[in-house]
Amino acid sequence: MRWPWPQDSREDKARRVAQSYRRLAQGLPEQHLVDALDHHWIDLGQSWVVPTQSTINPDDWVTADEAAELFSIPAKSVYDWGRRGHVRKVHSRYNVGDIIRYSQTRGKRTST
């Protein structure tokens, strides 16, 4: 089986794997152990281990780096999508709704 997100960097792959284990561990009765591990990694500067709830407005415009952080995708992908016309770009900012829509269509193509 091939990796379904070919644009992922080595770090992105590691994050996806780590997050899958985290989701599994959250369902266990020992939730306090998951919480303790979260605090340990946050103390070491790795706050990405804890998912956050945020409201995303599809009408917003963000930089490629901001999009990478919001959607866990490489900034290079966002640059490429803008250059190819898949997402709208104005003054180095990319439309959030376009990024969401295009990344969803890519996910559907790679899973079939």
PDB file of N, CA and C in Angstrom:
ATOM      1  N   MET A   1       0.844  -1.181   0.000  1.00  0.00           N
ATOM      2  CA  MET A   1       0.000   0.000   0.000  1.00  0.00           C
ATOM      3  C   MET A   1       0.888   1.242   0.000  1.00  0.00           C
ATOM      4  N   ARG A   2       0.523   2.231  -0.802  1.00  0.00           N
ATOM      5  CA  ARG A   2       1.289   3.479  -0.907  1.00  0.00           C
ATOM      6  C   ARG A   2       0.765   4.512   0.072  1.00  0.00           C
ATOM      7  N   TRP A   3       1.650   5.417   0.473  1.00  0.00           N
ATOM      8  CA  TRP A   3       1.275   6.521   1.378  1.00  0.00           C
ATOM      9  C   TRP A   3       0.246   7.389   0.664  1.00  0.00           C
ATOM     10  N   PRO A   4      -0.929   7.601   1.267  1.00  0.00           N
ATOM     11  CA  PRO A   4      -2.005   8.314   0.561  1.00  0.00           C
ATOM     12  C   PRO A   4      -1.835   9.823   0.449  1.00  0.00           C
ATOM     13  N   TRP A   5      -0.816  10.381   1.089  1.00  0.00           N
ATOM     14  CA  TRP A   5      -0.581  11.826   1.025  1.00  0.00           C
ATOM     15  C   TRP A   5       0.818  12.054   0.464  1.00  0.00           C
ATOM     16  N   PRO A   6       0.996  11.971  -0.849  1.00  0.00           N
ATOM     17  CA  PRO A   6       2.339  12.031  -1.429  1.00  0.00           C
ATOM     18  C   PRO A   6       3.063  13.352  -1.189  1.00  0.00           C
ATOM     19  N   GLN A   7       2.337  14.424  -0.879  1.00  0.00           N
ATOM     20  CA  GLN A   7       2.970  15.716  -0.643  1.00  0.00           C
ATOM     21  C   GLN A   7       3.572  15.824   0.756  1.00  0.00           C
ATOM     22  N   ASP A   8       3.325  14.853   1.633  1.00  0.00           N
ATOM     23  CA  ASP A   8       3.811  14.915   3.009  1.00  0.00           C
ATOM     24  C   ASP A   8       5.332  14.832   3.078  1.00  0.00           C
ATOM     25  N   SER A   9       5.881  15.669   3.941  1.00  0.00           N
ATOM     26  CA  SER A   9       7.310  15.581   4.245  1.00  0.00           C
ATOM     27  C   SER A   9       7.506  14.447   5.257  1.00  0.00           C
ATOM     28  N   ARG A  10       8.735  14.162   5.557  1.00  0.00           N
ATOM     29  CA  ARG A  10       9.033  13.139   6.565  1.00  0.00           C
ATOM     30  C   ARG A  10       8.403  13.514   7.911  1.00  0.00           C
ATOM     31  N   GLU A  11       8.492  14.795   8.248  1.00  0.00           N
ATOM     32  CA  GLU A  11       7.895  15.274   9.494  1.00  0.00           C
ATOM     33  C   GLU A  11       6.374  15.143   9.466  1.00  0.00           C
ATOM     34  N   ASP A  12       5.743  15.469   8.344  1.00  0.00           N
ATOM     35  CA  ASP A  12       4.293  15.333   8.218  1.00  0.00           C
ATOM     36  C   ASP A  12       3.863  13.885   8.433  1.00  0.00           C
ATOM     37  N   LYS A  13       4.616  12.963   7.867  1.00  0.00           N
ATOM     38  CA  LYS A  13       4.300  11.542   8.039  1.00  0.00           C
ATOM     39  C   LYS A  13       4.377  11.148   9.507  1.00  0.00           C
ATOM     40  N   ALA A  14       5.437  11.584  10.172  1.00  0.00           N
ATOM     41  CA  ALA A  14       5.594  11.267  11.593  1.00  0.00           C
ATOM     42  C   ALA A  14       4.441  11.847  12.410  1.00  0.00           C
ATOM     43  N   ARG A  15       4.026  13.054  12.061  1.00  0.00           N
ATOM     44  CA  ARG A  15       2.904  13.670  12.786  1.00  0.00           C
ATOM     45  C   ARG A  15       1.613  12.895  12.571  1.00  0.00           C
ATOM     46  N   ARG A  16       1.351  12.469  11.359  1.00  0.00           N
ATOM     47  CA  ARG A  16       0.128  11.691  11.095  1.00  0.00           C
ATOM     48  C   ARG A  16       0.130  10.392  11.900  1.00  0.00           C
ATOM     49  N   VAL A  17       1.276   9.715  11.929  1.00  0.00           N
ATOM     50  CA  VAL A  17       1.377   8.471  12.687  1.00  0.00           C
ATOM     51  C   VAL A  17       1.159   8.743  14.177  1.00  0.00           C
ATOM     52  N   ALA A  18       1.848   9.759  14.702  1.00  0.00           N
ATOM     53  CA  ALA A  18       1.719  10.089  16.125  1.00  0.00           C
ATOM     54  C   ALA A  18       0.280  10.460  16.481  1.00  0.00           C
ATOM     55  N   GLN A  19      -0.370  11.242  15.623  1.00  0.00           N
ATOM     56  CA  GLN A  19      -1.759  11.645  15.898  1.00  0.00           C
ATOM     57  C   GLN A  19      -2.697  10.440  15.873  1.00  0.00           C
ATOM     58  N   SER A  20      -2.428   9.455  15.012  1.00  0.00           N
ATOM     59  CA  SER A  20      -3.299   8.269  14.979  1.00  0.00           C
ATOM     60  C   SER A  20      -3.191   7.493  16.291  1.00  0.00           C
ATOM     61  N   TYR A  21      -1.978   7.366  16.830  1.00  0.00           N
ATOM     62  CA  TYR A  21      -1.815   6.700  18.119  1.00  0.00           C
ATOM     63  C   TYR A  21      -2.481   7.509  19.231  1.00  0.00           C
ATOM     64  N   ARG A  22      -2.393   8.824  19.131  1.00  0.00           N
ATOM     65  CA  ARG A  22      -2.998   9.682  20.146  1.00  0.00           C
ATOM     66  C   ARG A  22      -4.509   9.500  20.173  1.00  0.00           C
ATOM     67  N   ARG A  23      -5.122   9.470  18.985  1.00  0.00           N
ATOM     68  CA  ARG A  23      -6.581   9.279  18.916  1.00  0.00           C
ATOM     69  C   ARG A  23      -6.979   7.942  19.538  1.00  0.00           C
ATOM     70  N   LEU A  24      -6.210   6.913  19.287  1.00  0.00           N
ATOM     71  CA  LEU A  24      -6.480   5.601  19.870  1.00  0.00           C
ATOM     72  C   LEU A  24      -6.356   5.649  21.394  1.00  0.00           C
ATOM     73  N   ALA A  25      -5.287   6.271  21.878  1.00  0.00           N
ATOM     74  CA  ALA A  25      -5.040   6.336  23.322  1.00  0.00           C
ATOM     75  C   ALA A  25      -6.107   7.131  24.052  1.00  0.00           C
ATOM     76  N   GLN A  26      -6.716   8.112  23.388  1.00  0.00           N
ATOM     77  CA  GLN A  26      -7.731   8.923  24.048  1.00  0.00           C
ATOM     78  C   GLN A  26      -8.965   8.105  24.428  1.00  0.00           C
ATOM     79  N   GLY A  27      -9.187   6.996  23.769  1.00  0.00           N
ATOM     80  CA  GLY A  27     -10.346   6.176  24.094  1.00  0.00           C
ATOM     81  C   GLY A  27     -10.118   5.220  25.250  1.00  0.00           C
ATOM     82  N   LEU A  28      -8.908   5.172  25.772  1.00  0.00           N
ATOM     83  CA  LEU A  28      -8.581   4.244  26.854  1.00  0.00           C
ATOM     84  C   LEU A  28      -8.989   4.814  28.211  1.00  0.00           C
ATOM     85  N   PRO A  29      -9.242   3.929  29.190  1.00  0.00           N
ATOM     86  CA  PRO A  29      -9.613   4.409  30.539  1.00  0.00           C
ATOM     87  C   PRO A  29      -8.496   5.198  31.222  1.00  0.00           C
ATOM     88  N   GLU A  30      -7.248   5.018  30.786  1.00  0.00           N
ATOM     89  CA  GLU A  30      -6.110   5.703  31.405  1.00  0.00           C
ATOM     90  C   GLU A  30      -5.883   7.074  30.777  1.00  0.00           C
ATOM     91  N   GLN A  31      -6.937   7.860  30.606  1.00  0.00           N
ATOM     92  CA  GLN A  31      -6.834   9.180  29.975  1.00  0.00           C
ATOM     93  C   GLN A  31      -5.812  10.064  30.691  1.00  0.00           C
ATOM     94  N   HIS A  32      -5.663   9.910  31.993  1.00  0.00           N
ATOM     95  CA  HIS A  32      -4.700  10.727  32.741  1.00  0.00           C
ATOM     96  C   HIS A  32      -3.267  10.509  32.229  1.00  0.00           C
ATOM     97  N   LEU A  33      -2.972   9.317  31.703  1.00  0.00           N
ATOM     98  CA  LEU A  33      -1.644   9.063  31.138  1.00  0.00           C
ATOM     99  C   LEU A  33      -1.450   9.819  29.823  1.00  0.00           C
ATOM    100  N   VAL A  34      -2.505   9.879  29.027  1.00  0.00           N
ATOM    101  CA  VAL A  34      -2.450  10.653  27.781  1.00  0.00           C
ATOM    102  C   VAL A  34      -2.241  12.124  28.115  1.00  0.00           C
ATOM    103  N   ASP A  35      -2.976  12.624  29.104  1.00  0.00           N
ATOM    104  CA  ASP A  35      -2.834  14.020  29.516  1.00  0.00           C
ATOM    105  C   ASP A  35      -1.417  14.316  30.008  1.00  0.00           C
ATOM    106  N   ALA A  36      -0.851  13.407  30.799  1.00  0.00           N
ATOM    107  CA  ALA A  36       0.510  13.609  31.314  1.00  0.00           C
ATOM    108  C   ALA A  36       1.521  13.635  30.163  1.00  0.00           C
ATOM    109  N   LEU A  37       1.341  12.756  29.189  1.00  0.00           N
ATOM    110  CA  LEU A  37       2.245  12.734  28.038  1.00  0.00           C
ATOM    111  C   LEU A  37       2.099  14.013  27.212  1.00  0.00           C
ATOM    112  N   ASP A  38       0.851  14.490  27.049  1.00  0.00           N
ATOM    113  CA  ASP A  38       0.622  15.759  26.353  1.00  0.00           C
ATOM    114  C   ASP A  38       1.410  16.885  27.021  1.00  0.00           C
ATOM    115  N   HIS A  39       1.304  16.981  28.337  1.00  0.00           N
ATOM    116  CA  HIS A  39       1.998  18.051  29.065  1.00  0.00           C
ATOM    117  C   HIS A  39       3.515  17.927  28.918  1.00  0.00           C
ATOM    118  N   HIS A  40       4.002  16.698  28.917  1.00  0.00           N
ATOM    119  CA  HIS A  40       5.442  16.475  28.745  1.00  0.00           C
ATOM    120  C   HIS A  40       5.918  17.039  27.406  1.00  0.00           C
ATOM    121  N   TRP A  41       5.217  16.702  26.321  1.00  0.00           N
ATOM    122  CA  TRP A  41       5.638  17.157  24.998  1.00  0.00           C
ATOM    123  C   TRP A  41       5.421  18.659  24.816  1.00  0.00           C
ATOM    124  N   ILE A  42       4.371  19.186  25.395  1.00  0.00           N
ATOM    125  CA  ILE A  42       4.138  20.639  25.327  1.00  0.00           C
ATOM    126  C   ILE A  42       5.271  21.378  26.041  1.00  0.00           C
ATOM    127  N   ASP A  43       5.690  20.856  27.197  1.00  0.00           N
ATOM    128  CA  ASP A  43       6.803  21.462  27.931  1.00  0.00           C
ATOM    129  C   ASP A  43       8.092  21.465  27.117  1.00  0.00           C
ATOM    130  N   LEU A  44       8.221  20.497  26.203  1.00  0.00           N
ATOM    131  CA  LEU A  44       9.401  20.425  25.342  1.00  0.00           C
ATOM    132  C   LEU A  44       9.205  21.169  24.022  1.00  0.00           C
ATOM    133  N   GLY A  45       8.111  21.952  23.936  1.00  0.00           N
ATOM    134  CA  GLY A  45       7.898  22.795  22.768  1.00  0.00           C
ATOM    135  C   GLY A  45       7.165  22.131  21.614  1.00  0.00           C
ATOM    136  N   GLN A  46       6.539  20.998  21.848  1.00  0.00           N
ATOM    137  CA  GLN A  46       5.842  20.285  20.783  1.00  0.00           C
ATOM    138  C   GLN A  46       4.331  20.353  20.993  1.00  0.00           C
ATOM    139  N   SER A  47       3.776  21.544  20.927  1.00  0.00           N
ATOM    140  CA  SER A  47       2.351  21.734  21.202  1.00  0.00           C
ATOM    141  C   SER A  47       1.452  21.129  20.132  1.00  0.00           C
ATOM    142  N   TRP A  48       2.009  20.790  18.970  1.00  0.00           N
ATOM    143  CA  TRP A  48       1.204  20.215  17.900  1.00  0.00           C
ATOM    144  C   TRP A  48       0.582  18.878  18.287  1.00  0.00           C
ATOM    145  N   VAL A  49       1.108  18.231  19.329  1.00  0.00           N
ATOM    146  CA  VAL A  49       0.573  16.920  19.710  1.00  0.00           C
ATOM    147  C   VAL A  49      -0.864  17.011  20.207  1.00  0.00           C
ATOM    148  N   VAL A  50      -1.266  18.191  20.666  1.00  0.00           N
ATOM    149  CA  VAL A  50      -2.618  18.360  21.185  1.00  0.00           C
ATOM    150  C   VAL A  50      -3.449  19.114  20.153  1.00  0.00           C
ATOM    151  N   PRO A  51      -4.441  18.435  19.565  1.00  0.00           N
ATOM    152  CA  PRO A  51      -5.283  19.120  18.586  1.00  0.00           C
ATOM    153  C   PRO A  51      -6.022  20.287  19.233  1.00  0.00           C
ATOM    154  N   THR A  52      -6.208  21.339  18.470  1.00  0.00           N
ATOM    155  CA  THR A  52      -6.943  22.490  18.978  1.00  0.00           C
ATOM    156  C   THR A  52      -8.186  22.708  18.132  1.00  0.00           C
ATOM    157  N   GLN A  53      -9.187  23.258  18.740  1.00  0.00           N
ATOM    158  CA  GLN A  53     -10.404  23.613  18.040  1.00  0.00           C
ATOM    159  C   GLN A  53     -10.268  25.057  17.577  1.00  0.00           C
ATOM    160  N   SER A  54     -10.467  25.270  16.299  1.00  0.00           N
ATOM    161  CA  SER A  54     -10.422  26.637  15.802  1.00  0.00           C
ATOM    162  C   SER A  54     -11.495  26.800  14.739  1.00  0.00           C
ATOM    163  N   THR A  55     -11.985  28.002  14.654  1.00  0.00           N
ATOM    164  CA  THR A  55     -12.970  28.309  13.640  1.00  0.00           C
ATOM    165  C   THR A  55     -12.236  28.803  12.405  1.00  0.00           C
ATOM    166  N   ILE A  56     -12.516  28.158  11.291  1.00  0.00           N
ATOM    167  CA  ILE A  56     -11.871  28.532  10.046  1.00  0.00           C
ATOM    168  C   ILE A  56     -12.911  29.173   9.147  1.00  0.00           C
ATOM    169  N   ASN A  57     -12.641  30.389   8.737  1.00  0.00           N
ATOM    170  CA  ASN A  57     -13.543  31.116   7.853  1.00  0.00           C
ATOM    171  C   ASN A  57     -13.075  30.913   6.418  1.00  0.00           C
ATOM    172  N   PRO A  58     -13.893  30.280   5.570  1.00  0.00           N
ATOM    173  CA  PRO A  58     -13.467  30.034   4.195  1.00  0.00           C
ATOM    174  C   PRO A  58     -13.237  31.312   3.387  1.00  0.00           C
ATOM    175  N   ASP A  59     -13.703  32.446   3.887  1.00  0.00           N
ATOM    176  CA  ASP A  59     -13.489  33.710   3.186  1.00  0.00           C
ATOM    177  C   ASP A  59     -12.165  34.380   3.559  1.00  0.00           C
ATOM    178  N   ASP A  60     -11.437  33.808   4.540  1.00  0.00           N
ATOM    179  CA  ASP A  60     -10.159  34.387   4.962  1.00  0.00           C
ATOM    180  C   ASP A  60      -9.067  34.135   3.926  1.00  0.00           C
ATOM    181  N   TRP A  61      -8.026  34.941   4.019  1.00  0.00           N
ATOM    182  CA  TRP A  61      -6.840  34.810   3.161  1.00  0.00           C
ATOM    183  C   TRP A  61      -5.649  34.647   4.079  1.00  0.00           C
ATOM    184  N   VAL A  62      -4.813  33.639   3.814  1.00  0.00           N
ATOM    185  CA  VAL A  62      -3.675  33.330   4.677  1.00  0.00           C
ATOM    186  C   VAL A  62      -2.416  33.148   3.835  1.00  0.00           C
ATOM    187  N   THR A  63      -1.264  33.240   4.489  1.00  0.00           N
ATOM    188  CA  THR A  63      -0.007  32.950   3.799  1.00  0.00           C
ATOM    189  C   THR A  63       0.118  31.432   3.642  1.00  0.00           C
ATOM    190  N   ALA A  64       1.045  31.003   2.822  1.00  0.00           N
ATOM    191  CA  ALA A  64       1.270  29.565   2.640  1.00  0.00           C
ATOM    192  C   ALA A  64       1.705  28.921   3.957  1.00  0.00           C
ATOM    193  N   ASP A  65       2.528  29.625   4.728  1.00  0.00           N
ATOM    194  CA  ASP A  65       2.965  29.090   6.022  1.00  0.00           C
ATOM    195  C   ASP A  65       1.798  28.950   6.994  1.00  0.00           C
ATOM    196  N   GLU A  66       0.905  29.940   7.000  1.00  0.00           N
ATOM    197  CA  GLU A  66      -0.274  29.853   7.869  1.00  0.00           C
ATOM    198  C   GLU A  66      -1.178  28.697   7.441  1.00  0.00           C
ATOM    199  N   ALA A  67      -1.345  28.512   6.138  1.00  0.00           N
ATOM    200  CA  ALA A  67      -2.164  27.405   5.630  1.00  0.00           C
ATOM    201  C   ALA A  67      -1.541  26.067   6.019  1.00  0.00           C
ATOM    202  N   ALA A  68      -0.219  25.985   5.924  1.00  0.00           N
ATOM    203  CA  ALA A  68       0.478  24.753   6.300  1.00  0.00           C
ATOM    204  C   ALA A  68       0.203  24.407   7.755  1.00  0.00           C
ATOM    205  N   GLU A  69       0.244  25.411   8.606  1.00  0.00           N
ATOM    206  CA  GLU A  69      -0.011  25.207  10.031  1.00  0.00           C
ATOM    207  C   GLU A  69      -1.472  24.841  10.292  1.00  0.00           C
ATOM    208  N   LEU A  70      -2.386  25.532   9.641  1.00  0.00           N
ATOM    209  CA  LEU A  70      -3.823  25.282   9.837  1.00  0.00           C
ATOM    210  C   LEU A  70      -4.261  23.897   9.386  1.00  0.00           C
ATOM    211  N   PHE A  71      -3.727  23.457   8.245  1.00  0.00           N
ATOM    212  CA  PHE A  71      -4.245  22.249   7.607  1.00  0.00           C
ATOM    213  C   PHE A  71      -3.270  21.081   7.597  1.00  0.00           C
ATOM    214  N   SER A  72      -2.126  21.250   8.248  1.00  0.00           N
ATOM    215  CA  SER A  72      -1.115  20.184   8.290  1.00  0.00           C
ATOM    216  C   SER A  72      -0.731  19.703   6.897  1.00  0.00           C
ATOM    217  N   ILE A  73      -0.453  20.669   6.044  1.00  0.00           N
ATOM    218  CA  ILE A  73       0.014  20.375   4.692  1.00  0.00           C
ATOM    219  C   ILE A  73       1.297  21.159   4.465  1.00  0.00           C
ATOM    220  N   PRO A  74       2.146  20.703   3.576  1.00  0.00           N
ATOM    221  CA  PRO A  74       3.378  21.453   3.316  1.00  0.00           C
ATOM    222  C   PRO A  74       3.093  22.806   2.656  1.00  0.00           C
ATOM    223  N   ALA A  75       3.792  23.833   3.073  1.00  0.00           N
ATOM    224  CA  ALA A  75       3.634  25.162   2.468  1.00  0.00           C
ATOM    225  C   ALA A  75       3.924  25.104   0.969  1.00  0.00           C
ATOM    226  N   LYS A  76       4.853  24.259   0.577  1.00  0.00           N
ATOM    227  CA  LYS A  76       5.200  24.118  -0.841  1.00  0.00           C
ATOM    228  C   LYS A  76       3.977  23.700  -1.666  1.00  0.00           C
ATOM    229  N   SER A  77       3.135  22.858  -1.097  1.00  0.00           N
ATOM    230  CA  SER A  77       1.913  22.443  -1.806  1.00  0.00           C
ATOM    231  C   SER A  77       1.011  23.646  -2.058  1.00  0.00           C
ATOM    232  N   VAL A  78       0.888  24.500  -1.040  1.00  0.00           N
ATOM    233  CA  VAL A  78       0.041  25.685  -1.188  1.00  0.00           C
ATOM    234  C   VAL A  78       0.610  26.596  -2.270  1.00  0.00           C
ATOM    235  N   TYR A  79       1.934  26.806  -2.260  1.00  0.00           N
ATOM    236  CA  TYR A  79       2.569  27.612  -3.312  1.00  0.00           C
ATOM    237  C   TYR A  79       2.256  27.025  -4.691  1.00  0.00           C
ATOM    238  N   ASP A  80       2.431  25.704  -4.812  1.00  0.00           N
ATOM    239  CA  ASP A  80       2.200  25.038  -6.094  1.00  0.00           C
ATOM    240  C   ASP A  80       0.743  25.166  -6.536  1.00  0.00           C
ATOM    241  N   TRP A  81      -0.183  24.977  -5.606  1.00  0.00           N
ATOM    242  CA  TRP A  81      -1.609  25.071  -5.947  1.00  0.00           C
ATOM    243  C   TRP A  81      -1.955  26.470  -6.435  1.00  0.00           C
ATOM    244  N   GLY A  82      -1.373  27.491  -5.791  1.00  0.00           N
ATOM    245  CA  GLY A  82      -1.614  28.865  -6.231  1.00  0.00           C
ATOM    246  C   GLY A  82      -1.014  29.129  -7.600  1.00  0.00           C
ATOM    247  N   ARG A  83       0.193  28.645  -7.815  1.00  0.00           N
ATOM    248  CA  ARG A  83       0.877  28.836  -9.098  1.00  0.00           C
ATOM    249  C   ARG A  83       0.119  28.145 -10.231  1.00  0.00           C
ATOM    250  N   ARG A  84      -0.467  27.002  -9.936  1.00  0.00           N
ATOM    251  CA  ARG A  84      -1.198  26.243 -10.954  1.00  0.00           C
ATOM    252  C   ARG A  84      -2.642  26.705 -11.130  1.00  0.00           C
ATOM    253  N   GLY A  85      -3.076  27.634 -10.280  1.00  0.00           N
ATOM    254  CA  GLY A  85      -4.432  28.163 -10.409  1.00  0.00           C
ATOM    255  C   GLY A  85      -5.504  27.342  -9.714  1.00  0.00           C
ATOM    256  N   HIS A  86      -5.109  26.398  -8.861  1.00  0.00           N
ATOM    257  CA  HIS A  86      -6.086  25.582  -8.135  1.00  0.00           C
ATOM    258  C   HIS A  86      -6.706  26.343  -6.962  1.00  0.00           C
ATOM    259  N   VAL A  87      -5.952  27.297  -6.414  1.00  0.00           N
ATOM    260  CA  VAL A  87      -6.461  28.163  -5.343  1.00  0.00           C
ATOM    261  C   VAL A  87      -6.141  29.607  -5.713  1.00  0.00           C
ATOM    262  N   ARG A  88      -7.016  30.513  -5.315  1.00  0.00           N
ATOM    263  CA  ARG A  88      -6.782  31.926  -5.609  1.00  0.00           C
ATOM    264  C   ARG A  88      -5.662  32.473  -4.732  1.00  0.00           C
ATOM    265  N   LYS A  89      -4.858  33.338  -5.343  1.00  0.00           N
ATOM    266  CA  LYS A  89      -3.722  33.950  -4.651  1.00  0.00           C
ATOM    267  C   LYS A  89      -3.740  35.448  -4.933  1.00  0.00           C
ATOM    268  N   VAL A  90      -3.617  36.244  -3.868  1.00  0.00           N
ATOM    269  CA  VAL A  90      -3.529  37.696  -3.997  1.00  0.00           C
ATOM    270  C   VAL A  90      -2.445  38.173  -3.033  1.00  0.00           C
ATOM    271  N   HIS A  91      -1.407  38.774  -3.591  1.00  0.00           N
ATOM    272  CA  HIS A  91      -0.301  39.320  -2.784  1.00  0.00           C
ATOM    273  C   HIS A  91       0.230  38.302  -1.778  1.00  0.00           C
ATOM    274  N   SER A  92       0.568  37.106  -2.258  1.00  0.00           N
ATOM    275  CA  SER A  92       1.150  36.037  -1.435  1.00  0.00           C
ATOM    276  C   SER A  92       0.220  35.545  -0.336  1.00  0.00           C
ATOM    277  N   ARG A  93      -1.075  35.741  -0.531  1.00  0.00           N
ATOM    278  CA  ARG A  93      -2.058  35.210   0.408  1.00  0.00           C
ATOM    279  C   ARG A  93      -3.017  34.337  -0.396  1.00  0.00           C
ATOM    280  N   TYR A  94      -3.467  33.261   0.249  1.00  0.00           N
ATOM    281  CA  TYR A  94      -4.263  32.251  -0.426  1.00  0.00           C
ATOM    282  C   TYR A  94      -5.633  32.142   0.239  1.00  0.00           C
ATOM    283  N   ASN A  95      -6.654  31.911  -0.581  1.00  0.00           N
ATOM    284  CA  ASN A  95      -8.016  31.832  -0.071  1.00  0.00           C
ATOM    285  C   ASN A  95      -8.228  30.511   0.672  1.00  0.00           C
ATOM    286  N   VAL A  96      -8.696  30.605   1.906  1.00  0.00           N
ATOM    287  CA  VAL A  96      -8.876  29.436   2.769  1.00  0.00           C
ATOM    288  C   VAL A  96      -9.902  28.464   2.176  1.00  0.00           C
ATOM    289  N   GLY A  97     -11.019  28.980   1.688  1.00  0.00           N
ATOM    290  CA  GLY A  97     -12.045  28.105   1.112  1.00  0.00           C
ATOM    291  C   GLY A  97     -11.514  27.317  -0.075  1.00  0.00           C
ATOM    292  N   ASP A  98     -10.714  27.964  -0.912  1.00  0.00           N
ATOM    293  CA  ASP A  98     -10.117  27.275  -2.059  1.00  0.00           C
ATOM    294  C   ASP A  98      -9.171  26.162  -1.597  1.00  0.00           C
ATOM    295  N   ILE A  99      -8.401  26.445  -0.552  1.00  0.00           N
ATOM    296  CA  ILE A  99      -7.472  25.441  -0.030  1.00  0.00           C
ATOM    297  C   ILE A  99      -8.242  24.238   0.495  1.00  0.00           C
ATOM    298  N   ILE A 100      -9.307  24.504   1.233  1.00  0.00           N
ATOM    299  CA  ILE A 100     -10.124  23.407   1.769  1.00  0.00           C
ATOM    300  C   ILE A 100     -10.693  22.570   0.634  1.00  0.00           C
ATOM    301  N   ARG A 101     -11.318  23.236  -0.330  1.00  0.00           N
ATOM    302  CA  ARG A 101     -11.947  22.502  -1.447  1.00  0.00           C
ATOM    303  C   ARG A 101     -10.919  21.707  -2.248  1.00  0.00           C
ATOM    304  N   TYR A 102      -9.795  22.340  -2.575  1.00  0.00           N
ATOM    305  CA  TYR A 102      -8.814  21.649  -3.408  1.00  0.00           C
ATOM    306  C   TYR A 102      -8.159  20.494  -2.652  1.00  0.00           C
ATOM    307  N   SER A 103      -7.848  20.687  -1.378  1.00  0.00           N
ATOM    308  CA  SER A 103      -7.225  19.600  -0.622  1.00  0.00           C
ATOM    309  C   SER A 103      -8.187  18.423  -0.472  1.00  0.00           C
ATOM    310  N   GLN A 104      -9.490  18.691  -0.378  1.00  0.00           N
ATOM    311  CA  GLN A 104     -10.471  17.607  -0.303  1.00  0.00           C
ATOM    312  C   GLN A 104     -10.545  16.835  -1.615  1.00  0.00           C
ATOM    313  N   THR A 105     -10.469  17.513  -2.745  1.00  0.00           N
ATOM    314  CA  THR A 105     -10.516  16.806  -4.027  1.00  0.00           C
ATOM    315  C   THR A 105      -9.248  15.970  -4.209  1.00  0.00           C
ATOM    316  N   ARG A 106      -8.124  16.456  -3.721  1.00  0.00           N
ATOM    317  CA  ARG A 106      -6.874  15.678  -3.810  1.00  0.00           C
ATOM    318  C   ARG A 106      -6.971  14.436  -2.955  1.00  0.00           C
ATOM    319  N   GLY A 107      -7.572  14.557  -1.779  1.00  0.00           N
ATOM    320  CA  GLY A 107      -7.735  13.403  -0.896  1.00  0.00           C
ATOM    321  C   GLY A 107      -8.607  12.333  -1.536  1.00  0.00           C
ATOM    322  N   LYS A 108      -9.656  12.758  -2.220  1.00  0.00           N
ATOM    323  CA  LYS A 108     -10.544  11.799  -2.884  1.00  0.00           C
ATOM    324  C   LYS A 108      -9.834  11.102  -4.015  1.00  0.00           C
ATOM    325  N   ARG A 109      -9.002  11.834  -4.771  1.00  0.00           N
ATOM    326  CA  ARG A 109      -8.281  11.232  -5.897  1.00  0.00           C
ATOM    327  C   ARG A 109      -7.254  10.211  -5.417  1.00  0.00           C
ATOM    328  N   THR A 110      -6.585  10.502  -4.302  1.00  0.00           N
ATOM    329  CA  THR A 110      -5.530   9.608  -3.878  1.00  0.00           C
ATOM    330  C   THR A 110      -6.083   8.369  -3.173  1.00  0.00           C
ATOM    331  N   SER A 111      -7.322   8.405  -2.696  1.00  0.00           N
ATOM    332  CA  SER A 111      -7.867   7.247  -1.975  1.00  0.00           C
ATOM    333  C   SER A 111      -8.542   6.260  -2.904  1.00  0.00           C
ATOM    334  N   THR A 112      -8.713   6.591  -4.176  1.00  0.00           N
ATOM    335  CA  THR A 112      -9.366   5.665  -5.089  1.00  0.00           C
ATOM    336  C   THR A 112      -8.371   4.931  -5.940  1.00  0.00           C
TER     337      THR A 112
END
